[in-house]
Protein backbone atom coordinates (compact mmCIF):
# COMPACT_ATOMS: atom_id res chain seq x y z
CA MET A 1 5.14 6.31 21.50
CA ARG A 2 1.73 4.62 21.41
CA ILE A 3 0.55 4.21 17.81
CA LEU A 4 -2.84 3.03 16.59
CA LEU A 5 -2.75 1.32 13.19
CA LEU A 6 -5.58 0.52 10.81
CA GLY A 7 -4.96 -1.95 7.98
CA ALA A 8 -1.66 -3.08 9.48
CA THR A 9 -2.45 -6.77 9.07
CA GLY A 10 -1.88 -6.38 5.33
CA PHE A 11 1.20 -6.34 3.14
CA VAL A 12 2.68 -2.95 4.13
CA GLY A 13 1.77 -3.32 7.80
CA GLN A 14 3.59 -6.64 8.14
CA HIS A 15 6.77 -4.93 6.96
CA LEU A 16 6.19 -1.78 9.01
CA LEU A 17 5.46 -3.25 12.44
CA PRO A 18 8.88 -4.86 13.11
CA GLY A 19 10.63 -1.53 12.53
CA LEU A 20 8.25 0.39 14.78
CA SER A 21 8.71 -2.26 17.45
CA ALA A 22 12.50 -2.15 17.15
CA ASN A 23 12.34 1.62 17.75
CA GLY A 24 10.45 1.08 21.00
CA HIS A 25 6.93 2.02 19.93
CA GLN A 26 3.80 0.38 21.31
CA CYS A 27 1.59 -0.60 18.37
CA VAL A 28 -2.14 -1.20 18.71
CA VAL A 29 -3.28 -3.03 15.56
CA LEU A 30 -6.98 -3.03 14.81
CA CYS A 31 -8.20 -6.23 13.17
CA ARG A 32 -11.53 -7.91 12.55
CA ASN A 33 -10.15 -11.42 13.05
CA PRO A 34 -7.05 -11.62 15.32
CA ALA A 35 -6.77 -15.38 14.75
CA ARG A 36 -5.73 -14.73 11.14
CA SER A 37 -2.84 -12.49 12.25
CA ARG A 38 -1.46 -14.47 15.18
CA GLU A 39 2.10 -14.18 13.83
CA LEU A 40 2.00 -10.44 14.54
CA ARG A 41 1.75 -11.24 18.27
CA LEU A 42 5.35 -12.46 18.08
CA ILE A 43 6.48 -8.87 17.53
CA PRO A 44 7.31 -7.19 20.86
CA GLY A 45 5.06 -4.29 21.69
CA VAL A 46 2.33 -5.24 19.21
CA GLN A 47 -1.20 -5.60 20.55
CA LEU A 48 -3.99 -7.00 18.37
CA TYR A 49 -7.23 -5.20 19.13
CA PRO A 50 -10.35 -6.98 17.79
CA LEU A 51 -12.85 -4.63 16.19
CA LYS A 52 -15.71 -5.70 13.92
CA GLU A 53 -16.86 -2.23 12.84
CA PHE A 54 -14.75 0.89 12.37
CA THR A 55 -16.95 3.78 13.48
CA ARG A 56 -16.27 6.90 15.49
CA ASP A 57 -17.67 5.34 18.67
CA THR A 58 -15.86 2.00 18.32
CA LEU A 59 -12.56 3.68 17.40
CA ILE A 60 -12.42 6.01 20.40
CA PRO A 61 -11.55 3.37 23.07
CA PRO A 62 -8.44 1.94 21.31
CA MET A 63 -7.46 5.41 20.12
CA THR A 64 -7.54 6.98 23.59
CA GLY A 65 -3.99 7.66 24.75
CA ALA A 66 -2.47 7.21 21.29
CA HIS A 67 0.17 9.68 20.11
CA ALA A 68 -0.36 8.94 16.42
CA VAL A 69 -2.66 7.11 14.03
CA ILE A 70 -1.47 5.34 10.89
CA ASN A 71 -4.12 4.47 8.31
CA LEU A 72 -3.03 1.80 5.83
CA VAL A 73 -6.51 0.67 4.82
CA GLY A 74 -7.05 0.47 1.08
CA ILE A 75 -8.38 -1.66 -1.76
CA LEU A 76 -7.28 -1.94 -5.40
CA ASN A 77 -10.65 -3.22 -6.63
CA GLU A 78 -14.26 -3.16 -5.47
CA LYS A 79 -17.07 -5.68 -5.79
CA GLY A 80 -19.15 -3.46 -8.04
CA ARG A 81 -18.24 -0.94 -10.73
CA ASN A 82 -19.76 2.36 -9.57
CA GLY A 83 -17.13 3.47 -7.07
CA GLU A 84 -19.24 2.90 -3.95
CA GLY A 85 -16.84 0.26 -2.65
CA PHE A 86 -13.85 2.55 -3.05
CA ARG A 87 -15.68 5.43 -1.43
CA ARG A 88 -16.77 3.30 1.53
CA VAL A 89 -13.18 2.18 2.25
CA HIS A 90 -11.18 5.25 1.24
CA VAL A 91 -13.53 8.09 2.19
CA ASP A 92 -16.29 7.03 4.59
CA LEU A 93 -13.86 5.16 6.83
CA VAL A 94 -11.52 8.15 6.93
CA GLU A 95 -14.44 10.34 8.05
CA GLN A 96 -15.02 8.03 11.02
CA VAL A 97 -11.31 7.92 11.90
CA LEU A 98 -11.01 11.71 11.76
CA ALA A 99 -14.05 12.12 14.01
CA ALA A 100 -12.50 9.71 16.52
CA CYS A 101 -9.18 11.58 16.34
CA GLU A 102 -10.93 14.84 17.15
CA THR A 103 -12.75 13.35 20.14
CA SER A 104 -9.66 11.49 21.40
CA GLY A 105 -7.34 14.46 20.99
CA VAL A 106 -5.00 12.70 18.53
CA ARG A 107 -3.23 15.21 16.28
CA ARG A 108 -0.66 13.10 14.42
CA PHE A 109 -2.08 11.27 11.40
CA ILE A 110 -0.18 9.28 8.77
CA HIS A 111 -2.31 8.38 5.77
CA MET A 112 -1.54 5.90 3.00
CA SER A 113 -2.58 7.51 -0.26
CA ALA A 114 -1.28 6.95 -3.80
CA LEU A 115 0.57 8.67 -6.59
CA ASN A 116 -1.91 10.64 -8.74
CA ALA A 117 -4.46 10.79 -5.92
CA GLY A 118 -7.40 12.89 -7.07
CA GLN A 119 -6.44 12.71 -10.74
CA GLY A 120 -7.82 10.78 -13.69
CA LYS A 121 -11.09 8.88 -14.04
CA SER A 122 -10.54 5.81 -11.88
CA HIS A 123 -12.64 5.46 -8.74
CA TYR A 124 -9.52 4.28 -6.91
CA LEU A 125 -7.60 7.51 -7.53
CA THR A 126 -10.54 9.88 -7.15
CA SER A 127 -11.50 8.34 -3.80
CA LYS A 128 -7.89 8.62 -2.62
CA GLY A 129 -8.00 12.30 -3.53
CA GLU A 130 -11.29 12.81 -1.68
CA ALA A 131 -9.75 11.29 1.44
CA GLU A 132 -6.77 13.65 1.27
CA ASP A 133 -9.12 16.64 0.90
CA LEU A 134 -11.09 15.53 3.96
CA ILE A 135 -7.96 15.21 6.06
CA ARG A 136 -6.64 18.63 5.02
CA GLN A 137 -9.89 20.25 6.13
CA VAL A 138 -9.50 19.11 9.76
CA PRO A 139 -8.07 21.95 11.85
CA HIS A 140 -5.11 21.29 14.15
CA LEU A 141 -4.42 17.87 12.58
CA ASP A 142 -0.75 17.19 11.78
CA ALA A 143 -1.11 14.92 8.77
CA THR A 144 1.42 13.35 6.43
CA PHE A 145 0.36 11.70 3.18
CA ILE A 146 2.26 8.69 1.84
CA ARG A 147 2.04 8.47 -1.96
CA PRO A 148 3.84 5.40 -3.28
CA SER A 149 4.04 4.01 -6.78
CA VAL A 150 3.45 0.26 -7.16
CA ILE A 151 4.88 -1.37 -4.04
CA PHE A 152 6.92 -4.55 -4.37
CA GLY A 153 8.43 -6.92 -1.83
CA ASP A 154 8.04 -10.34 -0.29
CA GLY A 155 4.32 -11.10 -0.30
CA ASP A 156 3.35 -8.41 -2.83
CA SER A 157 0.36 -8.74 -5.15
CA PHE A 158 2.19 -7.39 -8.20
CA PHE A 159 5.23 -9.49 -9.09
CA ASN A 160 3.82 -12.56 -7.34
CA ARG A 161 0.57 -12.33 -9.32
CA PHE A 162 2.34 -11.96 -12.66
CA ALA A 163 4.73 -14.78 -11.74
CA GLY A 164 1.73 -17.02 -11.04
CA LEU A 165 0.13 -16.15 -14.38
CA LEU A 166 3.38 -16.69 -16.27
CA ARG A 167 3.82 -20.12 -14.74
CA LEU A 168 0.38 -21.14 -16.00
CA THR A 169 0.41 -20.00 -19.61
CA PRO A 170 2.91 -19.75 -22.47
CA VAL A 171 1.14 -16.64 -23.83
CA LEU A 172 0.08 -13.62 -21.76
CA PRO A 173 -2.12 -10.92 -23.33
CA LEU A 174 -1.17 -7.77 -21.41
CA ALA A 175 -3.38 -4.71 -21.09
CA CYS A 176 -1.81 -1.23 -21.08
CA PRO A 177 1.71 -2.52 -21.86
CA GLY A 178 3.14 0.98 -22.20
CA ALA A 179 1.92 2.23 -18.81
CA LEU A 180 4.84 3.74 -16.91
CA MET A 181 5.63 2.73 -13.32
CA GLN A 182 8.40 3.36 -10.83
CA PRO A 183 8.01 0.49 -8.34
CA VAL A 184 9.17 1.09 -4.78
CA TRP A 185 10.32 -1.48 -2.23
CA VAL A 186 7.94 -2.05 0.68
CA ASP A 187 10.75 -1.77 3.25
CA ASP A 188 11.63 1.68 1.87
CA VAL A 189 7.99 2.68 2.23
CA ALA A 190 7.95 1.33 5.80
CA ALA A 191 11.11 3.29 6.62
CA ALA A 192 9.53 6.49 5.29
CA ILE A 193 6.38 5.96 7.37
CA THR A 194 8.50 5.37 10.48
CA LEU A 195 10.39 8.61 9.89
CA ALA A 196 7.12 10.47 9.36
CA VAL A 197 5.94 9.26 12.76
CA GLU A 198 9.17 10.01 14.60
CA ARG A 199 10.16 13.39 13.16
CA THR A 200 8.52 15.73 15.65
CA ARG A 201 11.25 18.28 16.33
CA PRO A 202 10.76 21.84 15.00
CA GLY A 203 12.29 22.16 11.56
CA ASP A 204 12.39 18.39 11.17
CA LYS A 205 8.68 17.67 10.98
CA LEU A 206 6.96 16.19 7.95
CA TYR A 207 3.57 17.63 8.88
CA GLY A 208 1.32 18.64 6.01
CA GLN A 209 3.57 17.04 3.42
CA ALA A 210 2.72 14.55 0.68
CA LEU A 211 5.68 12.18 0.38
CA GLU A 212 5.94 10.73 -3.12
CA LEU A 213 7.81 7.42 -2.87
CA VAL A 214 9.24 5.75 -5.96
CA GLY A 215 12.06 3.43 -6.91
CA PRO A 216 15.26 4.28 -8.77
CA ARG A 217 14.03 3.41 -12.29
CA VAL A 218 11.01 3.91 -14.54
CA TYR A 219 9.66 0.86 -16.42
CA THR A 220 6.81 0.13 -18.77
CA LEU A 221 4.39 -2.51 -17.54
CA LYS A 222 5.53 -4.82 -20.32
CA GLU A 223 9.17 -4.44 -19.22
CA LEU A 224 8.18 -5.38 -15.67
CA VAL A 225 6.33 -8.49 -16.84
CA ARG A 226 9.32 -9.49 -18.98
CA GLN A 227 11.55 -9.02 -15.95
CA THR A 228 9.25 -11.26 -13.95
CA ALA A 229 9.47 -13.99 -16.59
CA ARG A 230 13.25 -13.71 -16.56
CA PHE A 231 13.39 -13.91 -12.76
CA ILE A 232 11.43 -17.18 -12.67
CA GLY A 233 13.24 -18.63 -15.68
CA ALA A 234 10.15 -18.77 -17.91
CA ARG A 235 10.30 -18.10 -21.65
CA ARG A 236 6.91 -16.60 -22.45
CA TRP A 237 5.24 -14.69 -25.25
CA ILE A 238 3.87 -11.43 -23.82
CA ILE A 239 1.43 -9.75 -26.19
CA GLY A 240 0.81 -6.07 -25.53
CA LEU A 241 -2.81 -5.15 -26.21
CA PRO A 242 -3.82 -1.86 -27.84
CA LYS A 243 -5.94 0.59 -25.88
CA GLY A 244 -9.30 -0.64 -27.18
CA LEU A 245 -8.58 -4.28 -26.36
CA SER A 246 -7.09 -3.27 -23.01
CA ARG A 247 -10.32 -1.49 -22.14
CA LEU A 248 -12.31 -4.52 -23.28
CA GLN A 249 -10.17 -6.86 -21.18
CA GLY A 250 -10.83 -4.70 -18.12
CA SER A 251 -14.58 -4.75 -18.76
CA VAL A 252 -14.58 -8.54 -19.10
CA MET A 253 -12.38 -9.06 -16.04
CA ASP A 254 -14.83 -6.98 -13.97
CA PHE A 255 -16.93 -10.15 -13.78
CA VAL A 256 -14.10 -12.59 -13.01
CA PRO A 257 -13.87 -13.63 -9.32
CA GLY A 258 -10.97 -11.87 -7.62
CA LYS A 259 -10.70 -9.31 -10.43
CA PRO A 260 -7.13 -9.94 -11.61
CA PHE A 261 -7.70 -6.85 -13.78
CA SER A 262 -10.61 -4.42 -13.98
CA SER A 263 -11.98 -1.44 -15.86
CA ASP A 264 -10.95 0.71 -12.91
CA ASN A 265 -7.38 -0.65 -13.11
CA PHE A 266 -7.45 0.31 -16.79
CA GLN A 267 -8.38 3.88 -15.91
CA SER A 268 -5.62 4.06 -13.25
CA LEU A 269 -3.05 2.89 -15.80
CA GLN A 270 -3.85 5.84 -18.08
CA LEU A 271 -1.72 7.95 -15.73
CA ASP A 272 2.00 7.38 -15.24
CA SER A 273 2.78 6.09 -11.75
CA THR A 274 6.11 7.94 -11.63
CA SER A 275 7.53 10.99 -9.89
CA LYS A 276 10.38 13.45 -10.31
CA HIS A 277 10.05 14.41 -6.64
CA ASN A 278 11.05 11.22 -4.85
CA ALA A 279 11.04 11.88 -1.10
CA LEU A 280 13.17 8.84 -0.24
CA PRO A 281 16.62 10.44 -0.86
CA ARG A 282 15.52 13.53 1.08
CA LEU A 283 14.69 11.22 4.00
CA GLY A 284 18.10 9.58 3.80
CA ILE A 285 16.77 6.39 2.20
CA THR A 286 18.46 4.95 -0.89
CA PRO A 287 15.71 3.38 -3.04
CA ALA A 288 16.21 -0.35 -3.60
CA SER A 289 16.14 -1.72 -7.13
CA ILE A 290 13.89 -4.46 -8.41
CA ASP A 291 16.86 -6.57 -9.49
CA SER A 292 18.29 -6.58 -5.97
CA ILE A 293 15.08 -7.68 -4.24
CA VAL A 294 12.52 -9.42 -6.44
CA PRO A 295 14.46 -12.54 -7.56
CA GLY A 296 15.09 -13.47 -3.93
CA TYR A 297 11.42 -13.97 -3.13
CA LEU A 298 10.11 -15.09 -6.52
CA ILE A 299 12.48 -18.02 -6.85
CA GLY A 300 12.64 -18.95 -3.17
CA SER A 301 10.90 -22.05 -1.90
CA ARG A 302 7.71 -21.94 0.14
CA HIS A 303 9.71 -23.04 3.16
CA GLN A 304 12.11 -20.14 2.71
CA HIS A 305 9.19 -17.75 2.29
CA ARG A 306 7.72 -18.84 5.62
CA LEU A 307 11.12 -18.61 7.30
CA ASP A 308 11.55 -15.05 5.98
CA GLN A 309 8.13 -14.11 7.33
CA PHE A 310 9.10 -15.40 10.78
CA ARG A 311 12.42 -13.56 10.70
CA ARG A 312 10.68 -10.31 9.76
CA SER A 313 8.42 -10.65 12.77
CA ILE A 314 11.39 -10.53 15.13
CA PRO A 315 13.05 -7.08 15.42
């Protein structure tokens, strides 16, 4: 199967591509700067397709002849605060991709969304919901929506970020400490996406479904940060902030380069990132636990991290 992927040079895509390759698929990966993703060329069947702008007209040539499109493009924060950045990436881009799908005759569409898409007050979640609504309105499109909780794994921006902060300071003021999450392993998410692509037989299809993907256990954010400190062997004082101070921290962090936290993150954390309808067991996937995965990449050396990346690139 020929598959066109958007956003596959990121965290999830780097874990997804080896599995698709091992199953014999030809993967066309759109990227603005192929030189930054040269390691992906080591994966058999992966073609890096340089593309500076993602518009209907520029997407049609690489999409022609594809059997499916996988959209992994997403951001957790925007440069501004009014939601325009989220809308540009999560909604406007999807409009262009859908238009190209219609012209190219592609009917199979796998879309990376999020738990609570369309709910709450955060621009991140509302824009994710708008994208899902757009996709559902396209006639004759066989779409599957992937809705994960916080995704963890080698190279993640969750545990690695907290580990970095904990190594720098003996005291960590933590916003929204009671926010509930059900983190899911990136390889489990990749396996679910692969199944969504490959299940095409009548009665076995995942068309039109929203697959909620979560791990085996629910944690508070504070519990997860404490776990991180334990994994790296750091004894730290983690101070949970009340709601007012959490909101204030988000507003202040809006102006910090890189936005380690933001007012939009604060709004997202007002909703529990958990689910009682985990699709992983239904797909035959046993969700991996944090304890079985996270210590291996948090405490590993940089050399080991690079070696693991190379090994993942070879099916």
